[in-house]
All heavy atoms as atom14 arrays in JSON, in Angstrom:
{
  "sequence": "WASTLIGNVVGAVNSYFMNKAFTFRSEASLGETWWRFILVTAACYV",
  "atom14_mask": [
    [1, 1, 1, 1, 1, 1, 1, 1, 1, 1, 1, 1, 1, 1],
    [1, 1, 1, 1, 1, 0, 0, 0, 0, 0, 0, 0, 0, 0],
    [1, 1, 1, 1, 1, 1, 0, 0, 0, 0, 0, 0, 0, 0],
    [1, 1, 1, 1, 1, 1, 1, 0, 0, 0, 0, 0, 0, 0],
    [1, 1, 1, 1, 1, 1, 1, 1, 0, 0, 0, 0, 0, 0],
    [1, 1, 1, 1, 1, 1, 1, 1, 0, 0, 0, 0, 0, 0],
    [1, 1, 1, 1, 0, 0, 0, 0, 0, 0, 0, 0, 0, 0],
    [1, 1, 1, 1, 1, 1, 1, 1, 0, 0, 0, 0, 0, 0],
    [1, 1, 1, 1, 1, 1, 1, 0, 0, 0, 0, 0, 0, 0],
    [1, 1, 1, 1, 1, 1, 1, 0, 0, 0, 0, 0, 0, 0],
    [1, 1, 1, 1, 0, 0, 0, 0, 0, 0, 0, 0, 0, 0],
    [1, 1, 1, 1, 1, 0, 0, 0, 0, 0, 0, 0, 0, 0],
    [1, 1, 1, 1, 1, 1, 1, 0, 0, 0, 0, 0, 0, 0],
    [1, 1, 1, 1, 1, 1, 1, 1, 0, 0, 0, 0, 0, 0],
    [1, 1, 1, 1, 1, 1, 0, 0, 0, 0, 0, 0, 0, 0],
    [1, 1, 1, 1, 1, 1, 1, 1, 1, 1, 1, 1, 0, 0],
    [1, 1, 1, 1, 1, 1, 1, 1, 1, 1, 1, 0, 0, 0],
    [1, 1, 1, 1, 1, 1, 1, 1, 0, 0, 0, 0, 0, 0],
    [1, 1, 1, 1, 1, 1, 1, 1, 0, 0, 0, 0, 0, 0],
    [1, 1, 1, 1, 1, 1, 1, 1, 1, 0, 0, 0, 0, 0],
    [1, 1, 1, 1, 1, 0, 0, 0, 0, 0, 0, 0, 0, 0],
    [1, 1, 1, 1, 1, 1, 1, 1, 1, 1, 1, 0, 0, 0],
    [1, 1, 1, 1, 1, 1, 1, 0, 0, 0, 0, 0, 0, 0],
    [1, 1, 1, 1, 1, 1, 1, 1, 1, 1, 1, 0, 0, 0],
    [1, 1, 1, 1, 1, 1, 1, 1, 1, 1, 1, 0, 0, 0],
    [1, 1, 1, 1, 1, 1, 0, 0, 0, 0, 0, 0, 0, 0],
    [1, 1, 1, 1, 1, 1, 1, 1, 1, 0, 0, 0, 0, 0],
    [1, 1, 1, 1, 1, 0, 0, 0, 0, 0, 0, 0, 0, 0],
    [1, 1, 1, 1, 1, 1, 0, 0, 0, 0, 0, 0, 0, 0],
    [1, 1, 1, 1, 1, 1, 1, 1, 0, 0, 0, 0, 0, 0],
    [1, 1, 1, 1, 0, 0, 0, 0, 0, 0, 0, 0, 0, 0],
    [1, 1, 1, 1, 1, 1, 1, 1, 1, 0, 0, 0, 0, 0],
    [1, 1, 1, 1, 1, 1, 1, 0, 0, 0, 0, 0, 0, 0],
    [1, 1, 1, 1, 1, 1, 1, 1, 1, 1, 1, 1, 1, 1],
    [1, 1, 1, 1, 1, 1, 1, 1, 1, 1, 1, 1, 1, 1],
    [1, 1, 1, 1, 1, 1, 1, 1, 1, 1, 1, 0, 0, 0],
    [1, 1, 1, 1, 1, 1, 1, 1, 1, 1, 1, 0, 0, 0],
    [1, 1, 1, 1, 1, 1, 1, 1, 0, 0, 0, 0, 0, 0],
    [1, 1, 1, 1, 1, 1, 1, 1, 0, 0, 0, 0, 0, 0],
    [1, 1, 1, 1, 1, 1, 1, 0, 0, 0, 0, 0, 0, 0],
    [1, 1, 1, 1, 1, 1, 1, 0, 0, 0, 0, 0, 0, 0],
    [1, 1, 1, 1, 1, 0, 0, 0, 0, 0, 0, 0, 0, 0],
    [1, 1, 1, 1, 1, 0, 0, 0, 0, 0, 0, 0, 0, 0],
    [1, 1, 1, 1, 1, 1, 0, 0, 0, 0, 0, 0, 0, 0],
    [1, 1, 1, 1, 1, 1, 1, 1, 1, 1, 1, 1, 0, 0],
    [1, 1, 1, 1, 1, 1, 1, 0, 0, 0, 0, 0, 0, 0]
  ],
  "atom14_positions": [
    [[0.82, -1.22, 0.0], [0.0, 0.0, 0.0], [0.85, 1.26, 0.0], [0.55, 2.21, -0.72], [-0.99, 0.0, 1.17], [-2.1, -0.98, 0.91], [-2.28, -2.19, 1.52], [-3.15, -0.86, -0.05], [-3.38, -2.82, 0.97], [-3.94, -2.02, 0.02], [-3.5, 0.12, -0.99], [-5.06, -2.23, -0.78], [-4.62, -0.09, -1.78], [-5.38, -1.25, -1.69]],
    [[1.91, 1.29, 0.77], [2.78, 2.47, 0.78], [3.46, 2.64, -0.58], [3.52, 3.75, -1.12], [3.84, 2.34, 1.88], [0.0, 0.0, 0.0], [0.0, 0.0, 0.0], [0.0, 0.0, 0.0], [0.0, 0.0, 0.0], [0.0, 0.0, 0.0], [0.0, 0.0, 0.0], [0.0, 0.0, 0.0], [0.0, 0.0, 0.0], [0.0, 0.0, 0.0]],
    [[3.94, 1.55, -1.16], [4.62, 1.61, -2.45], [3.7, 2.07, -3.57], [4.06, 2.94, -4.37], [5.2, 0.24, -2.81], [6.15, -0.15, -1.85], [0.0, 0.0, 0.0], [0.0, 0.0, 0.0], [0.0, 0.0, 0.0], [0.0, 0.0, 0.0], [0.0, 0.0, 0.0], [0.0, 0.0, 0.0], [0.0, 0.0, 0.0], [0.0, 0.0, 0.0]],
    [[2.5, 1.48, -3.64], [1.58, 1.86, -4.72], [1.05, 3.28, -4.52], [0.85, 4.01, -5.48], [0.4, 0.87, -4.86], [-0.31, 0.77, -3.62], [0.9, -0.5, -5.31], [0.0, 0.0, 0.0], [0.0, 0.0, 0.0], [0.0, 0.0, 0.0], [0.0, 0.0, 0.0], [0.0, 0.0, 0.0], [0.0, 0.0, 0.0], [0.0, 0.0, 0.0]],
    [[0.88, 3.69, -3.27], [0.41, 5.05, -3.01], [1.47, 6.07, -3.44], [1.16, 7.04, -4.14], [0.07, 5.24, -1.53], [-0.42, 6.63, -1.15], [-1.72, 6.97, -1.86], [-0.57, 6.75, 0.35], [0.0, 0.0, 0.0], [0.0, 0.0, 0.0], [0.0, 0.0, 0.0], [0.0, 0.0, 0.0], [0.0, 0.0, 0.0], [0.0, 0.0, 0.0]],
    [[2.7, 5.86, -3.05], [3.78, 6.79, -3.41], [3.93, 6.84, -4.93], [4.01, 7.93, -5.52], [5.1, 6.4, -2.72], [5.0, 6.61, -1.21], [6.28, 7.19, -3.3], [6.11, 5.96, -0.4], [0.0, 0.0, 0.0], [0.0, 0.0, 0.0], [0.0, 0.0, 0.0], [0.0, 0.0, 0.0], [0.0, 0.0, 0.0], [0.0, 0.0, 0.0]],
    [[3.96, 5.69, -5.58], [4.08, 5.65, -7.04], [2.93, 6.36, -7.73], [3.13, 7.1, -8.7], [0.0, 0.0, 0.0], [0.0, 0.0, 0.0], [0.0, 0.0, 0.0], [0.0, 0.0, 0.0], [0.0, 0.0, 0.0], [0.0, 0.0, 0.0], [0.0, 0.0, 0.0], [0.0, 0.0, 0.0], [0.0, 0.0, 0.0], [0.0, 0.0, 0.0]],
    [[1.73, 6.18, -7.22], [0.57, 6.83, -7.84], [0.51, 8.32, -7.58], [0.07, 9.07, -8.44], [-0.72, 6.14, -7.4], [-1.01, 4.95, -8.26], [-1.59, 5.07, -9.32], [-0.54, 3.79, -7.84], [0.0, 0.0, 0.0], [0.0, 0.0, 0.0], [0.0, 0.0, 0.0], [0.0, 0.0, 0.0], [0.0, 0.0, 0.0], [0.0, 0.0, 0.0]],
    [[0.94, 8.77, -6.44], [0.97, 10.21, -6.18], [1.96, 10.89, -7.12], [1.65, 11.92, -7.72], [1.32, 10.5, -4.7], [1.67, 11.96, -4.49], [0.15, 10.11, -3.8], [0.0, 0.0, 0.0], [0.0, 0.0, 0.0], [0.0, 0.0, 0.0], [0.0, 0.0, 0.0], [0.0, 0.0, 0.0], [0.0, 0.0, 0.0], [0.0, 0.0, 0.0]],
    [[3.13, 10.3, -7.29], [4.12, 10.87, -8.2], [3.57, 10.91, -9.63], [3.65, 11.92, -10.32], [5.46, 10.09, -8.14], [6.41, 10.52, -9.24], [6.11, 10.27, -6.77], [0.0, 0.0, 0.0], [0.0, 0.0, 0.0], [0.0, 0.0, 0.0], [0.0, 0.0, 0.0], [0.0, 0.0, 0.0], [0.0, 0.0, 0.0], [0.0, 0.0, 0.0]],
    [[2.99, 9.8, -10.07], [2.39, 9.75, -11.4], [1.21, 10.68, -11.55], [1.0, 11.28, -12.61], [0.0, 0.0, 0.0], [0.0, 0.0, 0.0], [0.0, 0.0, 0.0], [0.0, 0.0, 0.0], [0.0, 0.0, 0.0], [0.0, 0.0, 0.0], [0.0, 0.0, 0.0], [0.0, 0.0, 0.0], [0.0, 0.0, 0.0], [0.0, 0.0, 0.0]],
    [[0.4, 10.84, -10.49], [-0.8, 11.67, -10.55], [-0.49, 13.15, -10.74], [-1.21, 13.86, -11.45], [-1.65, 11.47, -9.3], [0.0, 0.0, 0.0], [0.0, 0.0, 0.0], [0.0, 0.0, 0.0], [0.0, 0.0, 0.0], [0.0, 0.0, 0.0], [0.0, 0.0, 0.0], [0.0, 0.0, 0.0], [0.0, 0.0, 0.0], [0.0, 0.0, 0.0]],
    [[0.55, 13.63, -10.11], [0.91, 15.04, -10.27], [1.25, 15.32, -11.74], [0.75, 16.27, -12.35], [2.09, 15.44, -9.34], [2.61, 16.82, -9.68], [1.65, 15.37, -7.89], [0.0, 0.0, 0.0], [0.0, 0.0, 0.0], [0.0, 0.0, 0.0], [0.0, 0.0, 0.0], [0.0, 0.0, 0.0], [0.0, 0.0, 0.0], [0.0, 0.0, 0.0]],
    [[2.05, 14.45, -12.33], [2.37, 14.57, -13.75], [1.1, 14.42, -14.59], [0.87, 15.18, -15.53], [3.4, 13.51, -14.14], [3.77, 13.59, -15.59], [4.36, 14.56, -16.04], [3.39, 12.57, -16.35], [0.0, 0.0, 0.0], [0.0, 0.0, 0.0], [0.0, 0.0, 0.0], [0.0, 0.0, 0.0], [0.0, 0.0, 0.0], [0.0, 0.0, 0.0]],
    [[0.28, 13.46, -14.24], [-0.95, 13.17, -14.98], [-1.89, 14.38, -15.02], [-2.47, 14.68, -16.07], [-1.67, 11.99, -14.33], [-2.92, 11.76, -14.93], [0.0, 0.0, 0.0], [0.0, 0.0, 0.0], [0.0, 0.0, 0.0], [0.0, 0.0, 0.0], [0.0, 0.0, 0.0], [0.0, 0.0, 0.0], [0.0, 0.0, 0.0], [0.0, 0.0, 0.0]],
    [[-2.06, 15.04, -13.91], [-2.97, 16.18, -13.86], [-2.59, 17.21, -14.92], [-3.42, 17.63, -15.73], [-2.99, 16.84, -12.48], [-3.82, 18.1, -12.5], [-5.2, 18.03, -12.44], [-3.23, 19.34, -12.63], [-5.98, 19.18, -12.5], [-3.99, 20.5, -12.69], [-5.37, 20.41, -12.62], [-6.12, 21.55, -12.7], [0.0, 0.0, 0.0], [0.0, 0.0, 0.0]],
    [[-1.34, 17.63, -14.9], [-0.92, 18.7, -15.79], [-0.91, 18.26, -17.26], [-1.32, 19.01, -18.14], [0.43, 19.27, -15.35], [0.33, 20.01, -14.06], [0.77, 19.45, -12.87], [-0.28, 21.26, -14.02], [0.63, 20.13, -11.67], [-0.41, 21.95, -12.82], [0.04, 21.38, -11.64], [0.0, 0.0, 0.0], [0.0, 0.0, 0.0], [0.0, 0.0, 0.0]],
    [[-0.46, 17.03, -17.52], [-0.45, 16.55, -18.91], [-1.87, 16.35, -19.44], [-2.16, 16.69, -20.59], [0.36, 15.26, -19.03], [1.86, 15.49, -18.92], [2.82, 13.98, -19.21], [2.66, 13.84, -20.99], [0.0, 0.0, 0.0], [0.0, 0.0, 0.0], [0.0, 0.0, 0.0], [0.0, 0.0, 0.0], [0.0, 0.0, 0.0], [0.0, 0.0, 0.0]],
    [[-2.75, 15.77, -18.62], [-4.12, 15.55, -19.08], [-4.89, 16.85, -19.24], [-5.67, 17.0, -20.18], [-4.86, 14.58, -18.15], [-4.5, 13.16, -18.42], [-4.42, 12.72, -19.56], [-4.24, 12.4, -17.37], [0.0, 0.0, 0.0], [0.0, 0.0, 0.0], [0.0, 0.0, 0.0], [0.0, 0.0, 0.0], [0.0, 0.0, 0.0], [0.0, 0.0, 0.0]],
    [[-4.67, 17.79, -18.35], [-5.38, 19.07, -18.45], [-4.98, 19.8, -19.74], [-5.84, 20.27, -20.48], [-5.07, 19.94, -17.24], [-5.83, 21.27, -17.22], [-5.51, 22.03, -15.94], [-6.32, 23.29, -15.78], [-6.43, 24.15, -16.92], [0.0, 0.0, 0.0], [0.0, 0.0, 0.0], [0.0, 0.0, 0.0], [0.0, 0.0, 0.0], [0.0, 0.0, 0.0]],
    [[-3.7, 19.84, -20.0], [-3.21, 20.61, -21.15], [-3.27, 19.83, -22.46], [-3.71, 20.37, -23.48], [-1.78, 21.07, -20.88], [0.0, 0.0, 0.0], [0.0, 0.0, 0.0], [0.0, 0.0, 0.0], [0.0, 0.0, 0.0], [0.0, 0.0, 0.0], [0.0, 0.0, 0.0], [0.0, 0.0, 0.0], [0.0, 0.0, 0.0], [0.0, 0.0, 0.0]],
    [[-2.86, 18.58, -22.46], [-2.68, 17.83, -23.71], [-3.87, 16.94, -24.04], [-4.39, 16.98, -25.15], [-1.4, 16.99, -23.6], [-1.15, 16.09, -24.78], [-0.86, 16.62, -26.03], [-1.19, 14.71, -24.63], [-0.63, 15.78, -27.12], [-0.95, 13.88, -25.71], [-0.67, 14.42, -26.95], [0.0, 0.0, 0.0], [0.0, 0.0, 0.0], [0.0, 0.0, 0.0]],
    [[-4.33, 16.14, -23.08], [-5.37, 15.15, -23.37], [-6.72, 15.79, -23.58], [-7.34, 15.64, -24.63], [-5.47, 14.12, -22.23], [-4.19, 13.52, -22.04], [-6.5, 13.06, -22.55], [0.0, 0.0, 0.0], [0.0, 0.0, 0.0], [0.0, 0.0, 0.0], [0.0, 0.0, 0.0], [0.0, 0.0, 0.0], [0.0, 0.0, 0.0], [0.0, 0.0, 0.0]],
    [[-7.19, 16.52, -22.58], [-8.55, 17.06, -22.62], [-8.58, 18.53, -23.03], [-9.65, 19.1, -23.2], [-9.24, 16.85, -21.28], [-9.35, 15.39, -20.92], [-8.62, 14.85, -19.87], [-10.17, 14.54, -21.65], [-8.7, 13.51, -19.55], [-10.26, 13.2, -21.33], [-9.53, 12.68, -20.28], [0.0, 0.0, 0.0], [0.0, 0.0, 0.0], [0.0, 0.0, 0.0]],
    [[-7.4, 19.15, -23.14], [-7.27, 20.54, -23.55], [-8.25, 21.44, -22.79], [-8.96, 22.26, -23.36], [-7.48, 20.65, -25.06], [-6.43, 19.87, -25.81], [-6.65, 19.87, -27.28], [-5.59, 19.1, -27.91], [-5.68, 18.57, -29.11], [-6.74, 18.74, -29.82], [-4.69, 17.89, -29.6], [0.0, 0.0, 0.0], [0.0, 0.0, 0.0], [0.0, 0.0, 0.0]],
    [[-8.24, 21.26, -21.5], [-9.17, 21.96, -20.63], [-8.67, 23.37, -20.33], [-7.49, 23.57, -20.02], [-9.33, 21.2, -19.31], [-10.12, 21.92, -18.41], [0.0, 0.0, 0.0], [0.0, 0.0, 0.0], [0.0, 0.0, 0.0], [0.0, 0.0, 0.0], [0.0, 0.0, 0.0], [0.0, 0.0, 0.0], [0.0, 0.0, 0.0], [0.0, 0.0, 0.0]],
    [[-9.57, 24.32, -20.41], [-9.25, 25.69, -20.06], [-9.78, 26.05, -18.67], [-9.69, 27.18, -18.23], [-9.83, 26.64, -21.12], [-9.17, 26.45, -22.47], [-9.75, 27.36, -23.54], [-10.5, 28.3, -23.2], [-9.46, 27.11, -24.71], [0.0, 0.0, 0.0], [0.0, 0.0, 0.0], [0.0, 0.0, 0.0], [0.0, 0.0, 0.0], [0.0, 0.0, 0.0]],
    [[-10.35, 25.05, -17.99], [-10.86, 25.27, -16.64], [-9.7, 25.59, -15.7], [-8.56, 25.18, -15.92], [-11.61, 24.02, -16.16], [0.0, 0.0, 0.0], [0.0, 0.0, 0.0], [0.0, 0.0, 0.0], [0.0, 0.0, 0.0], [0.0, 0.0, 0.0], [0.0, 0.0, 0.0], [0.0, 0.0, 0.0], [0.0, 0.0, 0.0], [0.0, 0.0, 0.0]],
    [[-10.03, 26.32, -14.65], [-8.99, 26.74, -13.7], [-8.52, 25.57, -12.85], [-9.21, 24.56, -12.71], [-9.53, 27.84, -12.79], [-10.5, 27.28, -11.91], [0.0, 0.0, 0.0], [0.0, 0.0, 0.0], [0.0, 0.0, 0.0], [0.0, 0.0, 0.0], [0.0, 0.0, 0.0], [0.0, 0.0, 0.0], [0.0, 0.0, 0.0], [0.0, 0.0, 0.0]],
    [[-7.34, 25.74, -12.26], [-6.78, 24.75, -11.35], [-7.76, 24.5, -10.2], [-8.03, 23.35, -9.85], [-5.43, 25.25, -10.81], [-4.7, 24.34, -9.84], [-4.18, 23.12, -10.56], [-3.56, 25.08, -9.17], [0.0, 0.0, 0.0], [0.0, 0.0, 0.0], [0.0, 0.0, 0.0], [0.0, 0.0, 0.0], [0.0, 0.0, 0.0], [0.0, 0.0, 0.0]],
    [[-8.32, 25.57, -9.64], [-9.26, 25.43, -8.53], [-10.52, 24.68, -8.91], [-11.11, 23.98, -8.1], [0.0, 0.0, 0.0], [0.0, 0.0, 0.0], [0.0, 0.0, 0.0], [0.0, 0.0, 0.0], [0.0, 0.0, 0.0], [0.0, 0.0, 0.0], [0.0, 0.0, 0.0], [0.0, 0.0, 0.0], [0.0, 0.0, 0.0], [0.0, 0.0, 0.0]],
    [[-10.93, 24.81, -10.15], [-12.15, 24.15, -10.64], [-11.93, 22.66, -10.89], [-12.86, 21.87, -10.74], [-12.58, 24.84, -11.93], [-13.91, 24.41, -12.49], [-14.25, 25.13, -13.79], [-13.64, 26.2, -14.08], [-15.13, 24.64, -14.51], [0.0, 0.0, 0.0], [0.0, 0.0, 0.0], [0.0, 0.0, 0.0], [0.0, 0.0, 0.0], [0.0, 0.0, 0.0]],
    [[-10.73, 22.28, -11.27], [-10.49, 20.88, -11.66], [-9.67, 20.07, -10.67], [-9.8, 18.86, -10.64], [-9.79, 20.83, -13.03], [-8.58, 21.59, -12.97], [-10.69, 21.34, -14.14], [0.0, 0.0, 0.0], [0.0, 0.0, 0.0], [0.0, 0.0, 0.0], [0.0, 0.0, 0.0], [0.0, 0.0, 0.0], [0.0, 0.0, 0.0], [0.0, 0.0, 0.0]],
    [[-8.82, 20.71, -9.88], [-7.88, 19.96, -9.03], [-8.61, 19.06, -8.04], [-8.27, 17.9, -7.88], [-6.93, 20.92, -8.32], [-5.9, 20.22, -7.49], [-5.78, 20.24, -6.14], [-4.84, 19.37, -7.96], [-4.72, 19.48, -5.74], [-4.12, 18.92, -6.84], [-4.43, 18.95, -9.21], [-3.03, 18.08, -6.93], [-3.34, 18.09, -9.3], [-2.65, 17.68, -8.17]],
    [[-9.64, 19.57, -7.36], [-10.35, 18.76, -6.36], [-11.05, 17.58, -7.03], [-11.12, 16.49, -6.47], [-11.33, 19.61, -5.54], [-12.52, 20.1, -6.31], [-12.64, 21.26, -7.0], [-13.77, 19.42, -6.47], [-13.88, 21.35, -7.6], [-14.61, 20.23, -7.28], [-14.28, 18.2, -6.01], [-15.9, 19.87, -7.64], [-15.58, 17.85, -6.37], [-16.37, 18.68, -7.17]],
    [[-11.57, 17.78, -8.23], [-12.21, 16.68, -8.96], [-11.18, 15.63, -9.34], [-11.42, 14.43, -9.25], [-12.9, 17.18, -10.23], [-14.11, 18.03, -9.95], [-14.67, 18.52, -11.26], [-15.69, 19.53, -11.01], [-16.66, 19.8, -11.83], [-16.76, 19.16, -12.98], [-17.55, 20.71, -11.53], [0.0, 0.0, 0.0], [0.0, 0.0, 0.0], [0.0, 0.0, 0.0]],
    [[-10.03, 16.11, -9.8], [-8.95, 15.21, -10.19], [-8.53, 14.34, -9.0], [-8.38, 13.13, -9.13], [-7.75, 16.01, -10.71], [-6.61, 15.16, -11.15], [-6.59, 14.62, -12.42], [-5.57, 14.88, -10.28], [-5.53, 13.81, -12.83], [-4.52, 14.07, -10.67], [-4.5, 13.54, -11.95], [0.0, 0.0, 0.0], [0.0, 0.0, 0.0], [0.0, 0.0, 0.0]],
    [[-8.35, 14.96, -7.84], [-7.94, 14.23, -6.63], [-9.01, 13.21, -6.24], [-8.69, 12.07, -5.9], [-7.71, 15.22, -5.46], [-6.64, 16.21, -5.84], [-7.44, 14.49, -4.17], [-5.3, 16.06, -5.25], [0.0, 0.0, 0.0], [0.0, 0.0, 0.0], [0.0, 0.0, 0.0], [0.0, 0.0, 0.0], [0.0, 0.0, 0.0], [0.0, 0.0, 0.0]],
    [[-10.27, 13.61, -6.3], [-11.37, 12.71, -5.94], [-11.4, 11.48, -6.86], [-11.46, 10.35, -6.4], [-12.71, 13.46, -6.0], [-13.94, 12.71, -5.56], [-13.85, 12.33, -4.09], [-15.17, 13.57, -5.8], [0.0, 0.0, 0.0], [0.0, 0.0, 0.0], [0.0, 0.0, 0.0], [0.0, 0.0, 0.0], [0.0, 0.0, 0.0], [0.0, 0.0, 0.0]],
    [[-11.32, 11.71, -8.17], [-11.33, 10.6, -9.13], [-10.09, 9.73, -8.95], [-10.19, 8.5, -8.92], [-11.41, 11.14, -10.59], [-11.14, 10.03, -11.6], [-12.77, 11.77, -10.85], [0.0, 0.0, 0.0], [0.0, 0.0, 0.0], [0.0, 0.0, 0.0], [0.0, 0.0, 0.0], [0.0, 0.0, 0.0], [0.0, 0.0, 0.0], [0.0, 0.0, 0.0]],
    [[-8.95, 10.36, -8.81], [-7.69, 9.62, -8.65], [-7.74, 8.75, -7.39], [-7.37, 7.56, -7.44], [-6.5, 10.59, -8.59], [-6.45, 11.32, -9.83], [-5.19, 9.88, -8.38], [0.0, 0.0, 0.0], [0.0, 0.0, 0.0], [0.0, 0.0, 0.0], [0.0, 0.0, 0.0], [0.0, 0.0, 0.0], [0.0, 0.0, 0.0], [0.0, 0.0, 0.0]],
    [[-8.2, 9.3, -6.28], [-8.26, 8.54, -5.02], [-9.24, 7.38, -5.13], [-8.93, 6.25, -4.7], [-8.63, 9.47, -3.87], [0.0, 0.0, 0.0], [0.0, 0.0, 0.0], [0.0, 0.0, 0.0], [0.0, 0.0, 0.0], [0.0, 0.0, 0.0], [0.0, 0.0, 0.0], [0.0, 0.0, 0.0], [0.0, 0.0, 0.0], [0.0, 0.0, 0.0]],
    [[-10.42, 7.63, -5.69], [-11.42, 6.56, -5.82], [-10.89, 5.45, -6.73], [-11.03, 4.26, -6.41], [-12.72, 7.14, -6.37], [0.0, 0.0, 0.0], [0.0, 0.0, 0.0], [0.0, 0.0, 0.0], [0.0, 0.0, 0.0], [0.0, 0.0, 0.0], [0.0, 0.0, 0.0], [0.0, 0.0, 0.0], [0.0, 0.0, 0.0], [0.0, 0.0, 0.0]],
    [[-10.28, 5.82, -7.84], [-9.74, 4.82, -8.76], [-8.6, 4.03, -8.12], [-8.49, 2.82, -8.31], [-9.27, 5.48, -10.06], [-10.61, 6.13, -11.06], [0.0, 0.0, 0.0], [0.0, 0.0, 0.0], [0.0, 0.0, 0.0], [0.0, 0.0, 0.0], [0.0, 0.0, 0.0], [0.0, 0.0, 0.0], [0.0, 0.0, 0.0], [0.0, 0.0, 0.0]],
    [[-7.77, 4.71, -7.36], [-6.65, 4.05, -6.67], [-7.17, 2.98, -5.72], [-6.76, 1.82, -5.78], [-5.8, 5.07, -5.92], [-4.81, 4.43, -4.98], [-3.65, 3.83, -5.47], [-5.04, 4.38, -3.61], [-2.75, 3.21, -4.62], [-4.15, 3.77, -2.75], [-3.01, 3.18, -3.25], [-2.14, 2.56, -2.41], [0.0, 0.0, 0.0], [0.0, 0.0, 0.0]],
    [[-8.09, 3.36, -4.84], [-8.6, 2.42, -3.83], [-9.3, 1.24, -4.51], [-9.05, 0.08, -4.17], [-9.54, 3.14, -2.83], [-10.25, 2.14, -1.94], [-8.75, 4.14, -2.0], [0.0, 0.0, 0.0], [0.0, 0.0, 0.0], [0.0, 0.0, 0.0], [0.0, 0.0, 0.0], [0.0, 0.0, 0.0], [0.0, 0.0, 0.0], [0.0, 0.0, 0.0]]
  ]
}
């Protein structure tokens, strides 16, 4: 659990910025999307 959590947190930070800019080309603000990103990421992880 510690290993997968650490690995996923490191990957998730990169994922947020790459997916926001490149994948979904979202113009939404950091404040508008970051909490959703964390919620989805945490639920998917567990």
